[in-house]
Amino acid sequence: MLDTQGKLYNNLMIKNILTPYIGKNIKIKYNLGRNKYETYEAQIIKIYNCVFLVKLKNNMVKSFSFADIITKNIKIYE
């Protein structure tokens, strides 16, 4: 798992990066492929070993994996 800046990421590092965002409003840009994106305004509500749960504005809950962050399928903004 190699980032473009040459940093190695593992699940513990991703978990530590996401922990300060619990309960805060964030934006998630999800790459669907073929230049299609979905953008969500959400709050991180729970972090597990390999996935994290977000609560969307319409009270729907979605889950994303840490692999989505590592492969840059999702980007998280404040």
N, C-alpha and C. Protein backbone atom coordinates (compact mmCIF):
# COMPACT_ATOMS: atom_id res chain seq x y z
N MET A 1 0.84 -1.17 0.00
CA MET A 1 0.00 0.00 0.00
C MET A 1 0.88 1.23 0.00
N LEU A 2 1.08 1.80 -1.14
CA LEU A 2 2.00 2.92 -1.29
C LEU A 2 1.25 4.15 -1.77
N ASP A 3 1.43 5.24 -1.07
CA ASP A 3 0.82 6.51 -1.46
C ASP A 3 1.71 7.17 -2.49
N THR A 4 1.19 8.17 -3.19
CA THR A 4 1.97 8.84 -4.23
C THR A 4 3.16 9.60 -3.66
N GLN A 5 3.08 10.01 -2.38
CA GLN A 5 4.21 10.69 -1.75
C GLN A 5 5.22 9.70 -1.19
N GLY A 6 4.99 8.41 -1.37
CA GLY A 6 5.92 7.40 -0.91
C GLY A 6 5.70 6.97 0.53
N LYS A 7 4.56 7.34 1.14
CA LYS A 7 4.29 6.95 2.51
C LYS A 7 3.53 5.63 2.53
N LEU A 8 3.89 4.77 3.47
CA LEU A 8 3.16 3.53 3.65
C LEU A 8 2.04 3.75 4.66
N TYR A 9 0.86 3.29 4.34
CA TYR A 9 -0.29 3.42 5.23
C TYR A 9 -0.77 2.04 5.63
N ASN A 10 -1.13 1.90 6.89
CA ASN A 10 -1.79 0.69 7.34
C ASN A 10 -3.08 1.08 8.04
N ASN A 11 -3.83 0.09 8.49
CA ASN A 11 -5.13 0.36 9.08
C ASN A 11 -5.03 1.22 10.34
N LEU A 12 -4.01 1.00 11.15
CA LEU A 12 -3.85 1.77 12.37
C LEU A 12 -3.60 3.25 12.07
N MET A 13 -2.81 3.53 11.05
CA MET A 13 -2.53 4.92 10.67
C MET A 13 -3.80 5.60 10.15
N ILE A 14 -4.57 4.91 9.34
CA ILE A 14 -5.82 5.48 8.82
C ILE A 14 -6.79 5.73 9.98
N LYS A 15 -6.86 4.79 10.91
CA LYS A 15 -7.73 4.94 12.06
C LYS A 15 -7.33 6.16 12.89
N ASN A 16 -6.03 6.37 13.08
CA ASN A 16 -5.54 7.53 13.83
C ASN A 16 -5.82 8.84 13.09
N ILE A 17 -5.78 8.81 11.78
CA ILE A 17 -6.07 10.01 10.99
C ILE A 17 -7.55 10.37 11.08
N LEU A 18 -8.43 9.37 11.07
CA LEU A 18 -9.87 9.61 11.07
C LEU A 18 -10.43 9.92 12.46
N THR A 19 -9.79 9.49 13.51
CA THR A 19 -10.32 9.65 14.86
C THR A 19 -10.67 11.09 15.23
N PRO A 20 -9.85 12.09 14.91
CA PRO A 20 -10.24 13.47 15.26
C PRO A 20 -11.49 13.98 14.54
N TYR A 21 -11.91 13.32 13.48
CA TYR A 21 -13.07 13.75 12.71
C TYR A 21 -14.39 13.16 13.22
N ILE A 22 -14.35 12.33 14.25
CA ILE A 22 -15.58 11.75 14.77
C ILE A 22 -16.50 12.85 15.29
N GLY A 23 -17.73 12.87 14.79
CA GLY A 23 -18.73 13.85 15.20
C GLY A 23 -18.64 15.19 14.50
N LYS A 24 -17.64 15.41 13.67
CA LYS A 24 -17.50 16.68 12.96
C LYS A 24 -18.12 16.57 11.57
N ASN A 25 -18.56 17.70 11.04
CA ASN A 25 -19.12 17.75 9.68
C ASN A 25 -17.99 17.67 8.67
N ILE A 26 -18.12 16.73 7.74
CA ILE A 26 -17.12 16.55 6.69
C ILE A 26 -17.83 16.40 5.36
N LYS A 27 -17.06 16.49 4.29
CA LYS A 27 -17.56 16.20 2.95
C LYS A 27 -16.75 15.02 2.41
N ILE A 28 -17.44 14.10 1.80
CA ILE A 28 -16.80 12.93 1.22
C ILE A 28 -17.09 12.94 -0.28
N LYS A 29 -16.04 12.87 -1.06
CA LYS A 29 -16.18 12.78 -2.51
C LYS A 29 -15.80 11.35 -2.91
N TYR A 30 -16.78 10.62 -3.43
CA TYR A 30 -16.62 9.20 -3.75
C TYR A 30 -16.52 9.02 -5.26
N ASN A 31 -15.45 8.41 -5.71
CA ASN A 31 -15.20 8.18 -7.13
C ASN A 31 -15.90 6.90 -7.56
N LEU A 32 -16.88 7.03 -8.45
CA LEU A 32 -17.62 5.88 -8.97
C LEU A 32 -16.98 5.29 -10.21
N GLY A 33 -15.99 5.97 -10.77
CA GLY A 33 -15.36 5.52 -12.00
C GLY A 33 -15.94 6.24 -13.20
N ARG A 34 -15.20 6.24 -14.29
CA ARG A 34 -15.61 6.89 -15.53
C ARG A 34 -16.03 8.35 -15.32
N ASN A 35 -15.23 9.06 -14.55
CA ASN A 35 -15.44 10.48 -14.26
C ASN A 35 -16.79 10.77 -13.61
N LYS A 36 -17.30 9.83 -12.83
CA LYS A 36 -18.54 10.03 -12.08
C LYS A 36 -18.21 10.08 -10.59
N TYR A 37 -18.78 11.06 -9.91
CA TYR A 37 -18.52 11.25 -8.49
C TYR A 37 -19.82 11.45 -7.73
N GLU A 38 -19.84 11.02 -6.48
CA GLU A 38 -20.92 11.34 -5.55
C GLU A 38 -20.30 12.12 -4.41
N THR A 39 -20.98 13.16 -3.95
CA THR A 39 -20.49 13.96 -2.84
C THR A 39 -21.51 13.88 -1.71
N TYR A 40 -21.00 13.61 -0.52
CA TYR A 40 -21.85 13.50 0.65
C TYR A 40 -21.41 14.50 1.71
N GLU A 41 -22.36 15.10 2.41
CA GLU A 41 -22.08 15.85 3.62
C GLU A 41 -22.48 14.94 4.76
N ALA A 42 -21.54 14.66 5.66
CA ALA A 42 -21.78 13.63 6.65
C ALA A 42 -21.00 13.89 7.93
N GLN A 43 -21.22 13.00 8.90
CA GLN A 43 -20.46 12.97 10.14
C GLN A 43 -19.97 11.55 10.33
N ILE A 44 -18.72 11.39 10.74
CA ILE A 44 -18.21 10.06 11.08
C ILE A 44 -18.79 9.71 12.45
N ILE A 45 -19.47 8.57 12.51
CA ILE A 45 -20.09 8.20 13.78
C ILE A 45 -19.39 7.04 14.48
N LYS A 46 -18.70 6.18 13.74
CA LYS A 46 -18.03 5.03 14.35
C LYS A 46 -16.88 4.58 13.47
N ILE A 47 -15.78 4.19 14.10
CA ILE A 47 -14.63 3.68 13.37
C ILE A 47 -14.33 2.27 13.88
N TYR A 48 -14.24 1.33 12.97
CA TYR A 48 -13.89 -0.05 13.29
C TYR A 48 -12.49 -0.34 12.77
N ASN A 49 -12.08 -1.62 12.76
CA ASN A 49 -10.72 -1.98 12.36
C ASN A 49 -10.43 -1.71 10.88
N CYS A 50 -11.40 -1.93 10.02
CA CYS A 50 -11.16 -1.77 8.58
C CYS A 50 -12.18 -0.88 7.89
N VAL A 51 -13.21 -0.47 8.59
CA VAL A 51 -14.26 0.35 8.00
C VAL A 51 -14.64 1.47 8.95
N PHE A 52 -15.32 2.48 8.41
CA PHE A 52 -15.89 3.52 9.25
C PHE A 52 -17.28 3.86 8.74
N LEU A 53 -18.14 4.27 9.67
CA LEU A 53 -19.53 4.59 9.36
C LEU A 53 -19.72 6.09 9.38
N VAL A 54 -20.50 6.58 8.42
CA VAL A 54 -20.84 7.99 8.38
C VAL A 54 -22.36 8.13 8.34
N LYS A 55 -22.84 9.19 8.97
CA LYS A 55 -24.27 9.50 8.97
C LYS A 55 -24.48 10.69 8.05
N LEU A 56 -25.27 10.50 7.01
CA LEU A 56 -25.53 11.54 6.04
C LEU A 56 -26.56 12.53 6.58
N LYS A 57 -26.74 13.63 5.87
CA LYS A 57 -27.68 14.67 6.29
C LYS A 57 -29.11 14.16 6.37
N ASN A 58 -29.47 13.17 5.57
CA ASN A 58 -30.83 12.62 5.58
C ASN A 58 -30.95 11.43 6.55
N ASN A 59 -30.03 11.34 7.52
CA ASN A 59 -29.98 10.30 8.56
C ASN A 59 -29.73 8.90 8.03
N MET A 60 -29.30 8.78 6.79
CA MET A 60 -28.90 7.49 6.23
C MET A 60 -27.47 7.19 6.67
N VAL A 61 -27.16 5.93 6.92
CA VAL A 61 -25.81 5.54 7.35
C VAL A 61 -25.13 4.79 6.21
N LYS A 62 -23.91 5.19 5.90
CA LYS A 62 -23.11 4.52 4.87
C LYS A 62 -21.80 4.07 5.50
N SER A 63 -21.20 3.05 4.93
CA SER A 63 -19.91 2.60 5.41
C SER A 63 -18.89 2.67 4.28
N PHE A 64 -17.67 2.97 4.66
CA PHE A 64 -16.56 3.01 3.72
C PHE A 64 -15.40 2.24 4.34
N SER A 65 -14.57 1.66 3.51
CA SER A 65 -13.43 0.91 4.03
C SER A 65 -12.18 1.79 4.01
N PHE A 66 -11.20 1.41 4.81
CA PHE A 66 -9.93 2.11 4.81
C PHE A 66 -9.23 1.95 3.46
N ALA A 67 -9.51 0.85 2.78
CA ALA A 67 -8.93 0.63 1.45
C ALA A 67 -9.40 1.69 0.46
N ASP A 68 -10.61 2.21 0.64
CA ASP A 68 -11.11 3.28 -0.22
C ASP A 68 -10.24 4.53 -0.07
N ILE A 69 -9.77 4.79 1.13
CA ILE A 69 -8.90 5.95 1.36
C ILE A 69 -7.52 5.70 0.76
N ILE A 70 -6.99 4.51 0.99
CA ILE A 70 -5.65 4.18 0.50
C ILE A 70 -5.60 4.21 -1.02
N THR A 71 -6.64 3.68 -1.67
CA THR A 71 -6.67 3.66 -3.14
C THR A 71 -7.22 4.95 -3.74
N LYS A 72 -7.56 5.91 -2.87
CA LYS A 72 -8.05 7.23 -3.28
C LYS A 72 -9.38 7.16 -4.02
N ASN A 73 -10.20 6.19 -3.68
CA ASN A 73 -11.57 6.15 -4.20
C ASN A 73 -12.45 7.17 -3.51
N ILE A 74 -12.07 7.54 -2.27
CA ILE A 74 -12.79 8.60 -1.57
C ILE A 74 -11.78 9.64 -1.09
N LYS A 75 -12.25 10.86 -1.03
CA LYS A 75 -11.47 11.96 -0.47
C LYS A 75 -12.33 12.62 0.58
N ILE A 76 -11.71 12.98 1.70
CA ILE A 76 -12.43 13.58 2.82
C ILE A 76 -11.98 15.01 2.98
N TYR A 77 -12.96 15.92 3.05
CA TYR A 77 -12.70 17.34 3.23
C TYR A 77 -13.42 17.83 4.47
N GLU A 78 -12.89 18.88 5.08
CA GLU A 78 -13.58 19.49 6.23
C GLU A 78 -14.61 20.47 5.77
